[in-house]
């Protein structure tokens, strides 16, 4: 598959575009209160 330009490395392999929010935003926002919103959003997708 084509590597999304927002993913500079292969730590987060995304086989398709089902996830609108790039996973790297989680690590980018570790010191940001928004991470709770992002984690909750991803949890909703996974559950």
PDB file of N, CA and C in Angstrom:
ATOM      1  N   UNK A   1       0.836  -1.195   0.000  1.00  0.00           N
ATOM      2  CA  UNK A   1       0.000   0.000   0.000  1.00  0.00           C
ATOM      3  C   UNK A   1       0.875   1.250   0.000  1.00  0.00           C
ATOM      4  N   UNK A   2       0.278   2.365  -0.381  1.00  0.00           N
ATOM      5  CA  UNK A   2       1.031   3.626  -0.400  1.00  0.00           C
ATOM      6  C   UNK A   2       1.175   4.169   1.014  1.00  0.00           C
ATOM      7  N   UNK A   3       2.408   4.525   1.389  1.00  0.00           N
ATOM      8  CA  UNK A   3       2.616   5.094   2.715  1.00  0.00           C
ATOM      9  C   UNK A   3       2.082   6.509   2.746  1.00  0.00           C
ATOM     10  N   UNK A   4       1.227   6.785   3.723  1.00  0.00           N
ATOM     11  CA  UNK A   4       0.652   8.127   3.830  1.00  0.00           C
ATOM     12  C   UNK A   4       1.760   9.133   4.118  1.00  0.00           C
ATOM     13  N   UNK A   5       1.756  10.292   3.454  1.00  0.00           N
ATOM     14  CA  UNK A   5       2.822  11.288   3.631  1.00  0.00           C
ATOM     15  C   UNK A   5       2.953  11.782   5.070  1.00  0.00           C
ATOM     16  N   UNK A   6       1.871  11.642   5.863  1.00  0.00           N
ATOM     17  CA  UNK A   6       1.928  12.107   7.249  1.00  0.00           C
ATOM     18  C   UNK A   6       2.688  11.120   8.136  1.00  0.00           C
ATOM     19  N   UNK A   7       3.011   9.941   7.606  1.00  0.00           N
ATOM     20  CA  UNK A   7       3.722   8.942   8.399  1.00  0.00           C
ATOM     21  C   UNK A   7       5.147   8.804   7.873  1.00  0.00           C
ATOM     22  N   UNK A   8       6.111   9.507   8.495  1.00  0.00           N
ATOM     23  CA  UNK A   8       7.489   9.501   8.011  1.00  0.00           C
ATOM     24  C   UNK A   8       8.181   8.152   8.210  1.00  0.00           C
ATOM     25  N   UNK A   9       7.683   7.336   9.119  1.00  0.00           N
ATOM     26  CA  UNK A   9       8.309   6.034   9.338  1.00  0.00           C
ATOM     27  C   UNK A   9       7.239   4.948   9.377  1.00  0.00           C
ATOM     28  N   UNK A  10       7.643   3.716   9.611  1.00  0.00           N
ATOM     29  CA  UNK A  10       6.703   2.594   9.555  1.00  0.00           C
ATOM     30  C   UNK A  10       6.307   2.128  10.949  1.00  0.00           C
ATOM     31  N   UNK A  11       6.416   3.017  11.941  1.00  0.00           N
ATOM     32  CA  UNK A  11       6.008   2.613  13.296  1.00  0.00           C
ATOM     33  C   UNK A  11       4.499   2.428  13.360  1.00  0.00           C
ATOM     34  N   UNK A  12       3.776   3.144  12.485  1.00  0.00           N
ATOM     35  CA  UNK A  12       2.316   3.058  12.497  1.00  0.00           C
ATOM     36  C   UNK A  12       1.826   2.635  11.112  1.00  0.00           C
ATOM     37  N   UNK A  13       1.891   1.335  10.789  1.00  0.00           N
ATOM     38  CA  UNK A  13       1.430   0.868   9.479  1.00  0.00           C
ATOM     39  C   UNK A  13      -0.085   0.980   9.340  1.00  0.00           C
ATOM     40  N   UNK A  14      -0.534   1.755   8.380  1.00  0.00           N
ATOM     41  CA  UNK A  14      -1.971   1.933   8.164  1.00  0.00           C
ATOM     42  C   UNK A  14      -2.341   1.289   6.828  1.00  0.00           C
ATOM     43  N   UNK A  15      -2.989   0.117   6.842  1.00  0.00           N
ATOM     44  CA  UNK A  15      -3.317  -0.582   5.598  1.00  0.00           C
ATOM     45  C   UNK A  15      -4.367   0.140   4.766  1.00  0.00           C
ATOM     46  N   UNK A  16      -5.195   0.965   5.391  1.00  0.00           N
ATOM     47  CA  UNK A  16      -6.210   1.692   4.634  1.00  0.00           C
ATOM     48  C   UNK A  16      -6.519   3.010   5.331  1.00  0.00           C
ATOM     49  N   UNK A  17      -7.555   3.694   4.881  1.00  0.00           N
ATOM     50  CA  UNK A  17      -7.842   5.036   5.410  1.00  0.00           C
ATOM     51  C   UNK A  17      -9.065   5.011   6.317  1.00  0.00           C
ATOM     52  N   UNK A  18      -9.251   3.907   7.061  1.00  0.00           N
ATOM     53  CA  UNK A  18     -10.412   3.839   7.963  1.00  0.00           C
ATOM     54  C   UNK A  18     -10.238   4.765   9.158  1.00  0.00           C
ATOM     55  N   UNK A  19      -8.992   5.143   9.437  1.00  0.00           N
ATOM     56  CA  UNK A  19      -8.725   5.969  10.606  1.00  0.00           C
ATOM     57  C   UNK A  19      -8.394   7.388  10.169  1.00  0.00           C
ATOM     58  N   UNK A  20      -9.353   8.314  10.280  1.00  0.00           N
ATOM     59  CA  UNK A  20      -9.163   9.689   9.809  1.00  0.00           C
ATOM     60  C   UNK A  20      -8.140  10.474  10.614  1.00  0.00           C
ATOM     61  N   UNK A  21      -7.904  10.048  11.869  1.00  0.00           N
ATOM     62  CA  UNK A  21      -6.940  10.774  12.705  1.00  0.00           C
ATOM     63  C   UNK A  21      -5.625  10.003  12.734  1.00  0.00           C
ATOM     64  N   UNK A  22      -4.539  10.583  12.215  1.00  0.00           N
ATOM     65  CA  UNK A  22      -3.237   9.904  12.219  1.00  0.00           C
ATOM     66  C   UNK A  22      -2.815   9.525  13.631  1.00  0.00           C
ATOM     67  N   UNK A  23      -2.308   8.285  13.801  1.00  0.00           N
ATOM     68  CA  UNK A  23      -1.923   7.807  15.127  1.00  0.00           C
ATOM     69  C   UNK A  23      -0.819   8.651  15.734  1.00  0.00           C
ATOM     70  N   UNK A  24       0.037   9.246  14.885  1.00  0.00           N
ATOM     71  CA  UNK A  24       1.170   9.996  15.428  1.00  0.00           C
ATOM     72  C   UNK A  24       0.694  11.215  16.202  1.00  0.00           C
ATOM     73  N   UNK A  25      -0.567  11.635  15.979  1.00  0.00           N
ATOM     74  CA  UNK A  25      -1.097  12.757  16.750  1.00  0.00           C
ATOM     75  C   UNK A  25      -1.130  12.427  18.235  1.00  0.00           C
ATOM     76  N   UNK A  26      -1.284  11.132  18.557  1.00  0.00           N
ATOM     77  CA  UNK A  26      -1.319  10.733  19.966  1.00  0.00           C
ATOM     78  C   UNK A  26       0.007  11.084  20.637  1.00  0.00           C
ATOM     79  N   UNK A  27       1.123  10.703  20.005  1.00  0.00           N
ATOM     80  CA  UNK A  27       2.427  10.991  20.599  1.00  0.00           C
ATOM     81  C   UNK A  27       2.718  12.484  20.550  1.00  0.00           C
ATOM     82  N   UNK A  28       2.218  13.162  19.501  1.00  0.00           N
ATOM     83  CA  UNK A  28       2.438  14.601  19.388  1.00  0.00           C
ATOM     84  C   UNK A  28       1.725  15.333  20.527  1.00  0.00           C
ATOM     85  N   UNK A  29       0.579  14.785  20.969  1.00  0.00           N
ATOM     86  CA  UNK A  29      -0.243  15.477  21.957  1.00  0.00           C
ATOM     87  C   UNK A  29      -0.106  14.875  23.349  1.00  0.00           C
ATOM     88  N   UNK A  30       1.000  14.179  23.607  1.00  0.00           N
ATOM     89  CA  UNK A  30       1.166  13.558  24.923  1.00  0.00           C
ATOM     90  C   UNK A  30       1.058  14.593  26.036  1.00  0.00           C
ATOM     91  N   UNK A  31       1.548  15.803  25.777  1.00  0.00           N
ATOM     92  CA  UNK A  31       1.490  16.857  26.787  1.00  0.00           C
ATOM     93  C   UNK A  31       0.292  17.766  26.570  1.00  0.00           C
ATOM     94  N   UNK A  32      -0.638  17.314  25.724  1.00  0.00           N
ATOM     95  CA  UNK A  32      -1.804  18.137  25.406  1.00  0.00           C
ATOM     96  C   UNK A  32      -3.051  17.456  25.953  1.00  0.00           C
ATOM     97  N   UNK A  33      -3.957  18.228  26.520  1.00  0.00           N
ATOM     98  CA  UNK A  33      -5.165  17.652  27.101  1.00  0.00           C
ATOM     99  C   UNK A  33      -6.042  17.015  26.024  1.00  0.00           C
ATOM    100  N   UNK A  34      -5.820  17.381  24.754  1.00  0.00           N
ATOM    101  CA  UNK A  34      -6.636  16.825  23.675  1.00  0.00           C
ATOM    102  C   UNK A  34      -6.401  15.335  23.518  1.00  0.00           C
ATOM    103  N   UNK A  35      -5.312  14.812  24.106  1.00  0.00           N
ATOM    104  CA  UNK A  35      -5.012  13.395  23.901  1.00  0.00           C
ATOM    105  C   UNK A  35      -6.151  12.529  24.427  1.00  0.00           C
ATOM    106  N   UNK A  36      -6.820  12.997  25.496  1.00  0.00           N
ATOM    107  CA  UNK A  36      -7.939  12.225  26.025  1.00  0.00           C
ATOM    108  C   UNK A  36      -9.038  12.110  24.974  1.00  0.00           C
ATOM    109  N   UNK A  37      -9.288  13.202  24.256  1.00  0.00           N
ATOM    110  CA  UNK A  37     -10.304  13.174  23.207  1.00  0.00           C
ATOM    111  C   UNK A  37      -9.890  12.221  22.097  1.00  0.00           C
ATOM    112  N   UNK A  38      -8.608  12.273  21.724  1.00  0.00           N
ATOM    113  CA  UNK A  38      -8.124  11.413  20.643  1.00  0.00           C
ATOM    114  C   UNK A  38      -8.147   9.949  21.071  1.00  0.00           C
ATOM    115  N   UNK A  39      -7.700   9.670  22.293  1.00  0.00           N
ATOM    116  CA  UNK A  39      -7.722   8.287  22.777  1.00  0.00           C
ATOM    117  C   UNK A  39      -9.157   7.775  22.827  1.00  0.00           C
ATOM    118  N   UNK A  40     -10.071   8.616  23.310  1.00  0.00           N
ATOM    119  CA  UNK A  40     -11.472   8.218  23.356  1.00  0.00           C
ATOM    120  C   UNK A  40     -12.019   7.954  21.966  1.00  0.00           C
ATOM    121  N   UNK A  41     -11.602   8.796  21.006  1.00  0.00           N
ATOM    122  CA  UNK A  41     -12.075   8.626  19.630  1.00  0.00           C
ATOM    123  C   UNK A  41     -11.575   7.307  19.057  1.00  0.00           C
ATOM    124  N   UNK A  42     -10.291   7.017  19.284  1.00  0.00           N
ATOM    125  CA  UNK A  42      -9.729   5.766  18.772  1.00  0.00           C
ATOM    126  C   UNK A  42     -10.359   4.574  19.476  1.00  0.00           C
ATOM    127  N   UNK A  43     -10.637   4.715  20.766  1.00  0.00           N
ATOM    128  CA  UNK A  43     -11.282   3.624  21.493  1.00  0.00           C
ATOM    129  C   UNK A  43     -12.664   3.350  20.918  1.00  0.00           C
ATOM    130  N   UNK A  44     -13.374   4.422  20.535  1.00  0.00           N
ATOM    131  CA  UNK A  44     -14.689   4.237  19.926  1.00  0.00           C
ATOM    132  C   UNK A  44     -14.556   3.465  18.619  1.00  0.00           C
ATOM    133  N   UNK A  45     -13.482   3.735  17.864  1.00  0.00           N
ATOM    134  CA  UNK A  45     -13.278   3.028  16.594  1.00  0.00           C
ATOM    135  C   UNK A  45     -12.954   1.558  16.845  1.00  0.00           C
ATOM    136  N   UNK A  46     -12.149   1.298  17.879  1.00  0.00           N
ATOM    137  CA  UNK A  46     -11.708  -0.072  18.141  1.00  0.00           C
ATOM    138  C   UNK A  46     -12.779  -0.884  18.858  1.00  0.00           C
ATOM    139  N   UNK A  47     -13.664  -0.219  19.567  1.00  0.00           N
ATOM    140  CA  UNK A  47     -14.701  -0.930  20.311  1.00  0.00           C
ATOM    141  C   UNK A  47     -16.067  -0.636  19.723  1.00  0.00           C
TER     142      UNK A  47
END
